[in-house]
C-alpha atoms as a PDB file:
ATOM      1  CA  MET A   1       3.665  14.185 -24.220  1.00  0.00           C
ATOM      2  CA  THR A   2       0.802  11.698 -23.962  1.00  0.00           C
ATOM      3  CA  PHE A   3      -1.630  10.642 -21.246  1.00  0.00           C
ATOM      4  CA  LYS A   4      -1.669   7.187 -19.711  1.00  0.00           C
ATOM      5  CA  THR A   5      -4.904   5.346 -20.480  1.00  0.00           C
ATOM      6  CA  ILE A   6      -6.612   2.519 -18.642  1.00  0.00           C
ATOM      7  CA  GLN A   7      -6.000  -0.923 -20.103  1.00  0.00           C
ATOM      8  CA  ARG A   8      -8.215  -2.861 -17.685  1.00  0.00           C
ATOM      9  CA  LEU A   9     -10.146  -2.423 -14.432  1.00  0.00           C
ATOM     10  CA  HIS A  10      -9.784  -4.997 -11.670  1.00  0.00           C
ATOM     11  CA  PRO A  11     -12.489  -5.233  -8.994  1.00  0.00           C
ATOM     12  CA  ALA A  12     -11.411  -6.031  -5.452  1.00  0.00           C
ATOM     13  CA  MET A  13     -12.420  -9.577  -4.508  1.00  0.00           C
ATOM     14  CA  ARG A  14     -13.969 -10.266  -1.096  1.00  0.00           C
ATOM     15  CA  ASP A  15     -11.719 -12.460   1.085  1.00  0.00           C
ATOM     16  CA  ASP A  16     -12.530 -11.889   4.754  1.00  0.00           C
ATOM     17  CA  ILE A  17      -9.998 -12.862   7.412  1.00  0.00           C
ATOM     18  CA  GLY A  18     -12.047 -14.035  10.358  1.00  0.00           C
ATOM     19  CA  ASP A  19     -14.354 -11.156  11.248  1.00  0.00           C
ATOM     20  CA  LEU A  20     -12.131  -8.654   9.430  1.00  0.00           C
ATOM     21  CA  ILE A  21     -13.806  -7.492   6.203  1.00  0.00           C
ATOM     22  CA  THR A  22     -11.163  -7.721   3.466  1.00  0.00           C
ATOM     23  CA  GLN A  23     -11.174  -6.848  -0.234  1.00  0.00           C
ATOM     24  CA  ARG A  24      -8.204  -7.632  -2.507  1.00  0.00           C
ATOM     25  CA  PRO A  25      -7.794  -6.211  -6.036  1.00  0.00           C
ATOM     26  CA  VAL A  26      -4.301  -7.603  -6.612  1.00  0.00           C
ATOM     27  CA  PRO A  27      -3.319 -10.331  -7.124  1.00  0.00           C
ATOM     28  CA  GLY A  28      -6.580 -11.174  -8.838  1.00  0.00           C
ATOM     29  CA  PRO A  29      -7.993 -13.380 -11.588  1.00  0.00           C
ATOM     30  CA  HIS A  30      -6.579 -11.201 -14.358  1.00  0.00           C
ATOM     31  CA  VAL A  31      -3.628  -9.428 -12.729  1.00  0.00           C
ATOM     32  CA  GLU A  32      -0.630 -10.881 -10.909  1.00  0.00           C
ATOM     33  CA  GLN A  33       1.004  -7.552 -10.089  1.00  0.00           C
ATOM     34  CA  ILE A  34       1.426  -3.966 -11.240  1.00  0.00           C
ATOM     35  CA  ASP A  35       5.211  -4.248 -11.146  1.00  0.00           C
ATOM     36  CA  PRO A  36       6.615  -3.475  -8.541  1.00  0.00           C
ATOM     37  CA  PHE A  37       3.298  -3.348  -6.631  1.00  0.00           C
ATOM     38  CA  LEU A  38       2.545  -6.933  -5.611  1.00  0.00           C
ATOM     39  CA  PHE A  39      -0.440  -7.097  -3.319  1.00  0.00           C
ATOM     40  CA  LEU A  40      -3.121  -4.922  -1.742  1.00  0.00           C
ATOM     41  CA  ASN A  41      -5.464  -5.767   1.122  1.00  0.00           C
ATOM     42  CA  HIS A  42      -8.283  -3.315   1.836  1.00  0.00           C
ATOM     43  CA  HIS A  43      -9.502  -4.042   5.376  1.00  0.00           C
ATOM     44  CA  GLY A  44     -12.862  -2.554   6.341  1.00  0.00           C
ATOM     45  CA  PRO A  45     -14.478  -0.141   6.533  1.00  0.00           C
ATOM     46  CA  GLN A  46     -16.229  -1.585   9.544  1.00  0.00           C
ATOM     47  CA  VAL A  47     -16.970  -0.796  13.173  1.00  0.00           C
ATOM     48  CA  TYR A  48     -15.623  -3.051  15.905  1.00  0.00           C
ATOM     49  CA  PRO A  49     -17.748  -3.428  19.047  1.00  0.00           C
ATOM     50  CA  PRO A  50     -16.343  -2.889  22.539  1.00  0.00           C
ATOM     51  CA  HIS A  51     -14.401  -5.823  24.003  1.00  0.00           C
ATOM     52  CA  ASN A  52     -13.343  -7.127  20.583  1.00  0.00           C
ATOM     53  CA  ARG A  53     -10.429  -9.415  19.740  1.00  0.00           C
ATOM     54  CA  GLY A  54      -8.762  -6.874  17.472  1.00  0.00           C
ATOM     55  CA  LEU A  55      -6.794  -7.577  14.331  1.00  0.00           C
ATOM     56  CA  PRO A  56      -5.651 -11.159  13.692  1.00  0.00           C
ATOM     57  CA  PHE A  57      -2.116 -10.499  12.435  1.00  0.00           C
ATOM     58  CA  GLY A  58       0.047 -11.962  15.187  1.00  0.00           C
ATOM     59  CA  PRO A  59       3.780 -12.638  14.727  1.00  0.00           C
ATOM     60  CA  HIS A  60       4.664 -13.716  11.182  1.00  0.00           C
ATOM     61  CA  PRO A  61       7.776 -13.482   8.966  1.00  0.00           C
ATOM     62  CA  HIS A  62       8.573 -11.587   5.764  1.00  0.00           C
ATOM     63  CA  ARG A  63      11.518 -11.476   3.357  1.00  0.00           C
ATOM     64  CA  GLY A  64      12.269  -9.785   0.028  1.00  0.00           C
ATOM     65  CA  PHE A  65       9.854  -6.838  -0.151  1.00  0.00           C
ATOM     66  CA  GLU A  66       8.301  -3.887   1.703  1.00  0.00           C
ATOM     67  CA  THR A  67       4.923  -3.405   3.351  1.00  0.00           C
ATOM     68  CA  VAL A  68       3.339   0.049   3.360  1.00  0.00           C
ATOM     69  CA  THR A  69       0.256   0.321   5.565  1.00  0.00           C
ATOM     70  CA  PHE A  70      -2.153   3.249   5.417  1.00  0.00           C
ATOM     71  CA  ILE A  71      -4.395   3.611   8.478  1.00  0.00           C
ATOM     72  CA  LEU A  72      -7.444   5.421   7.135  1.00  0.00           C
ATOM     73  CA  ASP A  73      -9.392   4.909  10.355  1.00  0.00           C
ATOM     74  CA  GLY A  74      -8.730   3.213  13.680  1.00  0.00           C
ATOM     75  CA  GLU A  75      -5.369   2.324  15.193  1.00  0.00           C
ATOM     76  CA  LEU A  76      -2.639  -0.175  14.376  1.00  0.00           C
ATOM     77  CA  ALA A  77       0.133  -1.398  16.671  1.00  0.00           C
ATOM     78  CA  HIS A  78       3.391  -2.627  15.120  1.00  0.00           C
ATOM     79  CA  ARG A  79       6.164  -4.626  16.758  1.00  0.00           C
ATOM     80  CA  ASP A  80       9.003  -6.520  15.087  1.00  0.00           C
ATOM     81  CA  SER A  81      12.084  -8.629  15.760  1.00  0.00           C
ATOM     82  CA  ALA A  82      14.397  -5.735  14.848  1.00  0.00           C
ATOM     83  CA  GLY A  83      13.162  -3.842  17.913  1.00  0.00           C
ATOM     84  CA  HIS A  84      10.746  -1.409  16.260  1.00  0.00           C
ATOM     85  CA  GLU A  85       7.458  -0.647  17.990  1.00  0.00           C
ATOM     86  CA  SER A  86       4.713   1.954  17.493  1.00  0.00           C
ATOM     87  CA  VAL A  87       0.973   2.619  17.571  1.00  0.00           C
ATOM     88  CA  ILE A  88      -0.235   4.643  14.580  1.00  0.00           C
ATOM     89  CA  GLY A  89      -3.650   6.324  14.385  1.00  0.00           C
ATOM     90  CA  PRO A  90      -5.968   7.596  11.644  1.00  0.00           C
ATOM     91  CA  GLY A  91      -4.187   9.163   8.691  1.00  0.00           C
ATOM     92  CA  GLY A  92      -0.840   7.649   9.651  1.00  0.00           C
ATOM     93  CA  VAL A  93       1.409   5.320   7.669  1.00  0.00           C
ATOM     94  CA  GLN A  94       3.693   2.414   8.577  1.00  0.00           C
ATOM     95  CA  TRP A  95       6.518   1.584   6.133  1.00  0.00           C
ATOM     96  CA  MET A  96       8.459  -1.611   6.780  1.00  0.00           C
ATOM     97  CA  THR A  97      11.338  -2.918   4.687  1.00  0.00           C
ATOM     98  CA  ALA A  98      11.459  -6.648   5.381  1.00  0.00           C
ATOM     99  CA  GLY A  99      14.648  -7.071   3.336  1.00  0.00           C
ATOM    100  CA  ARG A 100      16.633 -10.119   4.446  1.00  0.00           C
ATOM    101  CA  GLY A 101      13.939 -11.024   6.929  1.00  0.00           C
ATOM    102  CA  LEU A 102      12.177 -10.233  10.160  1.00  0.00           C
ATOM    103  CA  VAL A 103       9.170 -11.235  12.203  1.00  0.00           C
ATOM    104  CA  HIS A 104       6.489  -8.662  12.948  1.00  0.00           C
ATOM    105  CA  ALA A 105       3.015  -8.385  14.411  1.00  0.00           C
ATOM    106  CA  GLU A 106       0.266  -5.966  13.364  1.00  0.00           C
ATOM    107  CA  ILE A 107      -2.420  -5.945  16.016  1.00  0.00           C
ATOM    108  CA  SER A 108      -4.922  -3.640  17.657  1.00  0.00           C
ATOM    109  CA  PRO A 109      -3.772  -1.760  20.761  1.00  0.00           C
ATOM    110  CA  GLN A 110      -5.452  -2.670  24.034  1.00  0.00           C
ATOM    111  CA  SER A 111      -7.418   0.581  24.060  1.00  0.00           C
ATOM    112  CA  PHE A 112      -9.051  -0.268  20.703  1.00  0.00           C
ATOM    113  CA  MET A 113      -9.929  -3.778  21.807  1.00  0.00           C
ATOM    114  CA  GLN A 114     -11.601  -2.428  24.923  1.00  0.00           C
ATOM    115  CA  ALA A 115     -13.496   0.510  23.389  1.00  0.00           C
ATOM    116  CA  GLY A 116     -13.980  -0.643  19.779  1.00  0.00           C
ATOM    117  CA  GLY A 117     -14.529   1.833  16.969  1.00  0.00           C
ATOM    118  CA  PRO A 118     -14.241   2.307  13.198  1.00  0.00           C
ATOM    119  CA  LEU A 119     -11.421   0.636  11.272  1.00  0.00           C
ATOM    120  CA  GLU A 120     -10.189   0.920   7.694  1.00  0.00           C
ATOM    121  CA  ILE A 121      -6.664  -0.047   6.635  1.00  0.00           C
ATOM    122  CA  LEU A 122      -4.859  -0.472   3.318  1.00  0.00           C
ATOM    123  CA  GLN A 123      -1.756  -2.659   3.192  1.00  0.00           C
ATOM    124  CA  LEU A 124       0.344  -2.584   0.034  1.00  0.00           C
ATOM    125  CA  TRP A 125       3.275  -4.889  -0.708  1.00  0.00           C
ATOM    126  CA  VAL A 126       6.048  -3.314  -2.795  1.00  0.00           C
ATOM    127  CA  ASN A 127       8.660  -5.570  -4.384  1.00  0.00           C
ATOM    128  CA  LEU A 128      12.403  -5.083  -4.039  1.00  0.00           C
ATOM    129  CA  PRO A 129      14.878  -5.723  -6.890  1.00  0.00           C
ATOM    130  CA  PRO A 130      17.312  -8.643  -6.569  1.00  0.00           C
ATOM    131  CA  ALA A 131      20.144  -6.417  -5.334  1.00  0.00           C
ATOM    132  CA  LEU A 132      18.000  -5.231  -2.392  1.00  0.00           C
ATOM    133  CA  LYS A 133      16.195  -8.440  -1.448  1.00  0.00           C
ATOM    134  CA  MET A 134      18.611  -9.061   1.416  1.00  0.00           C
ATOM    135  CA  THR A 135      18.970  -5.481   2.599  1.00  0.00           C
ATOM    136  CA  GLU A 136      18.888  -4.672   6.307  1.00  0.00           C
ATOM    137  CA  PRO A 137      15.324  -4.523   7.669  1.00  0.00           C
ATOM    138  CA  ARG A 138      13.970  -1.140   8.699  1.00  0.00           C
ATOM    139  CA  TYR A 139      10.722   0.435   9.852  1.00  0.00           C
ATOM    140  CA  THR A 140       9.218   3.913  10.142  1.00  0.00           C
ATOM    141  CA  GLY A 141       5.791   4.756  11.517  1.00  0.00           C
ATOM    142  CA  LEU A 142       4.428   8.287  11.137  1.00  0.00           C
ATOM    143  CA  GLN A 143       1.247   9.892  12.423  1.00  0.00           C
ATOM    144  CA  ALA A 144      -1.054  11.968  10.215  1.00  0.00           C
ATOM    145  CA  ASN A 145       0.466  15.290  11.294  1.00  0.00           C
ATOM    146  CA  ASP A 146       3.905  14.094  10.150  1.00  0.00           C
ATOM    147  CA  ILE A 147       2.711  13.541   6.568  1.00  0.00           C
ATOM    148  CA  PRO A 148       2.505  16.671   4.374  1.00  0.00           C
ATOM    149  CA  VAL A 149      -0.728  17.501   2.579  1.00  0.00           C
ATOM    150  CA  VAL A 150      -0.304  19.207  -0.798  1.00  0.00           C
ATOM    151  CA  GLU A 151      -3.360  20.930  -2.262  1.00  0.00           C
ATOM    152  CA  ALA A 152      -4.130  21.190  -5.974  1.00  0.00           C
ATOM    153  CA  ASP A 153      -6.965  22.463  -8.162  1.00  0.00           C
ATOM    154  CA  GLY A 154      -7.925  25.215  -5.775  1.00  0.00           C
ATOM    155  CA  GLY A 155      -8.105  22.920  -2.774  1.00  0.00           C
ATOM    156  CA  LYS A 156     -10.421  20.378  -4.419  1.00  0.00           C
ATOM    157  CA  VAL A 157      -7.546  17.867  -4.370  1.00  0.00           C
ATOM    158  CA  ARG A 158      -5.488  17.022  -1.270  1.00  0.00           C
ATOM    159  CA  VAL A 159      -2.466  14.762  -1.709  1.00  0.00           C
ATOM    160  CA  HIS A 160      -1.265  13.128   1.522  1.00  0.00           C
ATOM    161  CA  LEU A 161       2.297  12.593   0.353  1.00  0.00           C
ATOM    162  CA  SER A 162       4.075   9.600   1.879  1.00  0.00           C
ATOM    163  CA  SER A 163       6.999   9.265  -0.536  1.00  0.00           C
ATOM    164  CA  GLY A 164       8.238  10.914  -3.704  1.00  0.00           C
ATOM    165  CA  GLN A 165       7.592  14.469  -4.821  1.00  0.00           C
ATOM    166  CA  PHE A 166       4.472  16.448  -5.675  1.00  0.00           C
ATOM    167  CA  GLY A 167       3.921  20.184  -5.961  1.00  0.00           C
ATOM    168  CA  GLY A 168       7.464  20.949  -4.873  1.00  0.00           C
ATOM    169  CA  VAL A 169       7.070  18.905  -1.662  1.00  0.00           C
ATOM    170  CA  THR A 170       8.955  15.704  -0.791  1.00  0.00           C
ATOM    171  CA  GLY A 171       7.287  12.975   1.241  1.00  0.00           C
ATOM    172  CA  PRO A 172       8.863  11.960   4.575  1.00  0.00           C
ATOM    173  CA  PHE A 173       9.395   8.269   3.763  1.00  0.00           C
ATOM    174  CA  GLU A 174      12.586   7.427   1.892  1.00  0.00           C
ATOM    175  CA  SER A 175      11.906   4.740  -0.686  1.00  0.00           C
ATOM    176  CA  LEU A 176      14.884   2.537  -1.580  1.00  0.00           C
ATOM    177  CA  THR A 177      13.629   2.339  -5.163  1.00  0.00           C
ATOM    178  CA  GLY A 178      12.122   5.784  -5.810  1.00  0.00           C
ATOM    179  CA  VAL A 179       8.499   4.755  -5.286  1.00  0.00           C
ATOM    180  CA  PHE A 180       5.856   7.514  -5.124  1.00  0.00           C
ATOM    181  CA  LEU A 181       2.975   6.761  -2.736  1.00  0.00           C
ATOM    182  CA  SER A 182       0.092   8.885  -1.497  1.00  0.00           C
ATOM    183  CA  ILE A 183      -3.489   8.928  -0.335  1.00  0.00           C
ATOM    184  CA  VAL A 184      -5.483  11.420  -2.423  1.00  0.00           C
ATOM    185  CA  GLU A 185      -8.725  13.067  -1.309  1.00  0.00           C
ATOM    186  CA  MET A 186     -10.780  14.624  -4.105  1.00  0.00           C
ATOM    187  CA  LYS A 187     -13.900  16.758  -4.032  1.00  0.00           C
ATOM    188  CA  ALA A 188     -16.432  16.266  -6.818  1.00  0.00           C
ATOM    189  CA  GLY A 189     -15.210  18.048  -9.933  1.00  0.00           C
ATOM    190  CA  GLY A 190     -11.610  18.220  -8.724  1.00  0.00           C
ATOM    191  CA  GLU A 191      -8.800  17.260 -11.110  1.00  0.00           C
ATOM    192  CA  LEU A 192      -5.425  15.733 -10.351  1.00  0.00           C
ATOM    193  CA  TYR A 193      -2.595  16.007 -12.861  1.00  0.00           C
ATOM    194  CA  LEU A 194       0.802  14.269 -12.752  1.00  0.00           C
ATOM    195  CA  ASP A 195       3.636  14.252 -15.261  1.00  0.00           C
ATOM    196  CA  GLY A 196       7.107  12.721 -15.415  1.00  0.00           C
ATOM    197  CA  LEU A 197       5.655   9.198 -15.613  1.00  0.00           C
ATOM    198  CA  LEU A 198       7.559   7.959 -18.665  1.00  0.00           C
ATOM    199  CA  ASP A 199       8.434   4.256 -18.226  1.00  0.00           C
ATOM    200  CA  ARG A 200       6.836   4.224 -14.764  1.00  0.00           C
ATOM    201  CA  ASN A 201       3.918   1.989 -13.789  1.00  0.00           C
ATOM    202  CA  VAL A 202       0.960   3.706 -12.132  1.00  0.00           C
ATOM    203  CA  PHE A 203      -0.928   2.054  -9.270  1.00  0.00           C
ATOM    204  CA  LEU A 204      -4.341   3.660  -8.771  1.00  0.00           C
ATOM    205  CA  TYR A 205      -6.954   2.103  -6.469  1.00  0.00           C
ATOM    206  CA  VAL A 206     -10.260   3.820  -5.772  1.00  0.00           C
ATOM    207  CA  VAL A 207     -11.011   3.447  -2.072  1.00  0.00           C
ATOM    208  CA  ARG A 208     -14.222   5.499  -2.102  1.00  0.00           C
ATOM    209  CA  GLY A 209     -16.212   7.497  -4.621  1.00  0.00           C
ATOM    210  CA  VAL A 210     -16.107   7.599  -8.423  1.00  0.00           C
ATOM    211  CA  ILE A 211     -13.412   8.992 -10.713  1.00  0.00           C
ATOM    212  CA  GLU A 212     -12.846   9.460 -14.416  1.00  0.00           C
ATOM    213  CA  ALA A 213      -9.485   8.440 -15.869  1.00  0.00           C
ATOM    214  CA  MET A 214      -8.963   8.118 -19.609  1.00  0.00           C
ATOM    215  CA  PRO A 215     -11.123   6.600 -20.974  1.00  0.00           C
ATOM    216  CA  ASP A 216     -13.164   5.029 -18.147  1.00  0.00           C
ATOM    217  CA  THR A 217     -15.319   5.859 -15.166  1.00  0.00           C
ATOM    218  CA  VAL A 218     -13.986   3.974 -12.149  1.00  0.00           C
ATOM    219  CA  SER A 219     -16.026   3.201  -9.049  1.00  0.00           C
ATOM    220  CA  ALA A 220     -14.949   2.334  -5.514  1.00  0.00           C
ATOM    221  CA  MET A 221     -12.903  -0.799  -4.833  1.00  0.00           C
ATOM    222  CA  HIS A 222     -11.480  -1.028  -8.353  1.00  0.00           C
ATOM    223  CA  LEU A 223      -7.819  -1.020  -9.376  1.00  0.00           C
ATOM    224  CA  CYS A 224      -6.782   0.656 -12.635  1.00  0.00           C
ATOM    225  CA  GLU A 225      -4.218  -1.088 -14.823  1.00  0.00           C
ATOM    226  CA  PHE A 226      -2.774   1.457 -17.249  1.00  0.00           C
ATOM    227  CA  GLU A 227      -1.169   1.012 -20.627  1.00  0.00           C
ATOM    228  CA  PRO A 228       2.631   1.323 -20.295  1.00  0.00           C
ATOM    229  CA  GLN A 229       2.826   4.199 -22.766  1.00  0.00           C
ATOM    230  CA  GLY A 230       2.399   7.817 -21.764  1.00  0.00           C
ATOM    231  CA  ASP A 231       4.081  10.206 -19.354  1.00  0.00           C
ATOM    232  CA  GLU A 232       1.093  12.114 -17.920  1.00  0.00           C
ATOM    233  CA  LEU A 233      -1.921  11.197 -15.823  1.00  0.00           C
ATOM    234  CA  ARG A 234      -5.156  13.115 -15.429  1.00  0.00           C
ATOM    235  CA  VAL A 235      -7.868  12.039 -12.985  1.00  0.00           C
ATOM    236  CA  ARG A 236     -11.177  13.802 -12.365  1.00  0.00           C
ATOM    237  CA  ALA A 237     -13.504  13.116  -9.435  1.00  0.00           C
ATOM    238  CA  ALA A 238     -17.066  12.460 -10.585  1.00  0.00           C
ATOM    239  CA  HIS A 239     -18.072  12.302  -6.914  1.00  0.00           C
ATOM    240  CA  ASP A 240     -16.097  12.872  -3.725  1.00  0.00           C
ATOM    241  CA  ALA A 241     -13.361  10.241  -3.792  1.00  0.00           C
ATOM    242  CA  VAL A 242     -10.397   8.773  -1.928  1.00  0.00           C
ATOM    243  CA  LEU A 243      -7.572   7.110  -3.875  1.00  0.00           C
ATOM    244  CA  LEU A 244      -4.427   5.155  -3.172  1.00  0.00           C
ATOM    245  CA  LEU A 245      -2.001   6.412  -5.806  1.00  0.00           C
ATOM    246  CA  GLY A 246       1.507   5.198  -6.514  1.00  0.00           C
ATOM    247  CA  HIS A 247       3.976   5.028  -9.363  1.00  0.00           C
ATOM    248  CA  ALA A 248       7.388   3.440  -9.823  1.00  0.00           C
ATOM    249  CA  PHE A 249       9.782   1.990 -12.345  1.00  0.00           C
ATOM    250  CA  PRO A 250       9.044  -1.713 -12.945  1.00  0.00           C
ATOM    251  CA  ILE A 251      11.666  -4.198 -11.751  1.00  0.00           C
ATOM    252  CA  ASN A 252      11.140  -6.606 -14.670  1.00  0.00           C
ATOM    253  CA  GLU A 253      12.512  -9.621 -12.811  1.00  0.00           C
ATOM    254  CA  PRO A 254      10.924 -13.012 -12.037  1.00  0.00           C
ATOM    255  CA  VAL A 255       8.650 -13.051  -8.990  1.00  0.00           C
ATOM    256  CA  VAL A 256       8.458 -16.244  -6.953  1.00  0.00           C
ATOM    257  CA  ALA A 257       6.191 -15.885  -3.933  1.00  0.00           C
ATOM    258  CA  HIS A 258       5.414 -18.306  -1.140  1.00  0.00           C
ATOM    259  CA  GLY A 259       3.168 -16.894   1.570  1.00  0.00           C
ATOM    260  CA  PRO A 260       5.126 -14.151   3.338  1.00  0.00           C
ATOM    261  CA  PHE A 261       8.279 -14.517   1.199  1.00  0.00           C
ATOM    262  CA  VAL A 262       8.805 -12.873  -2.208  1.00  0.00           C
ATOM    263  CA  MET A 263      12.024 -13.753  -4.020  1.00  0.00           C
ATOM    264  CA  ASN A 264      13.264 -14.384  -7.570  1.00  0.00           C
ATOM    265  CA  THR A 265      13.831 -18.169  -7.574  1.00  0.00           C
ATOM    266  CA  ARG A 266      12.364 -21.247  -5.919  1.00  0.00           C
ATOM    267  CA  GLU A 267      15.714 -21.968  -4.248  1.00  0.00           C
ATOM    268  CA  GLU A 268      15.661 -18.494  -2.656  1.00  0.00           C
ATOM    269  CA  ILE A 269      12.204 -19.293  -1.272  1.00  0.00           C
ATOM    270  CA  ASN A 270      13.451 -22.585   0.125  1.00  0.00           C
ATOM    271  CA  GLN A 271      16.393 -20.773   1.731  1.00  0.00           C
ATOM    272  CA  ALA A 272      14.031 -18.220   3.281  1.00  0.00           C
ATOM    273  CA  ILE A 273      11.992 -21.038   4.825  1.00  0.00           C
ATOM    274  CA  ARG A 274      15.132 -22.706   6.176  1.00  0.00           C
ATOM    275  CA  ASP A 275      16.437 -19.423   7.585  1.00  0.00           C
ATOM    276  CA  TYR A 276      13.132 -18.663   9.286  1.00  0.00           C
ATOM    277  CA  GLN A 277      12.917 -22.140  10.780  1.00  0.00           C
ATOM    278  CA  ALA A 278      16.512 -21.745  12.034  1.00  0.00           C
ATOM    279  CA  GLY A 279      15.554 -18.561  13.879  1.00  0.00           C
ATOM    280  CA  LYS A 280      17.585 -16.226  11.674  1.00  0.00           C
ATOM    281  CA  PHE A 281      14.709 -13.728  11.404  1.00  0.00           C
ATOM    282  CA  GLY A 282      14.714 -13.093  15.145  1.00  0.00           C
ATOM    283  CA  SER A 283      11.648 -13.356  17.342  1.00  0.00           C
END
């Protein structure tokens, strides 16, 4: 048994969307993906004033992958062409399988636009293998109290388990491809240990704080790219920290992306555009 070690650190790059503060560690100058994890936007943290315009993500299409959205602070309203609708608050998670295609909007509820308040959101795109690219769309939104919290290291580590298994607990979201995803809170000096990672890619993004993972110290807003070898992971918090942690088997297939569509060939992208323009994603 051997520990996974960091191959390279990738800082999040600033790329604001209007007045929404946005940092993006992947894709970046030196990393296209951590297969199957394609894309991460870190919105905020920031405080919106009263009578704001809210989030700018009006109706837009997707095909070929999944979006998993972690609401660390604030509120997020979801509505899509498959008929799903919810408003999720702090600590909640929205998991949408775009599959063969849908149109959705991610906006601020009216109450947030009127009153304002703090906002911090992580949105992760998770690829689907070719056999599942055209699966039926689905969506689940869960509030914080629906997501189990598993403690480790005497309570110094709290794993908010969205999917997969940890400490004998199974997360409430069912991943089509066996993806583990969680938000991890760590007190200074706390240690997190995972095993069973053979042949799985680890996605570890430091939202806040400072951690130590072999052999590096990693500060906030950095993504760790690990060597593929190893089946264990050990992380220690040098200061209080918050992490986005995932792991999954790589898909190892070509990725062809065009805006909101992620497929395996250029022709599949062209077909997605034609299908969207023909109204086949709904409205």
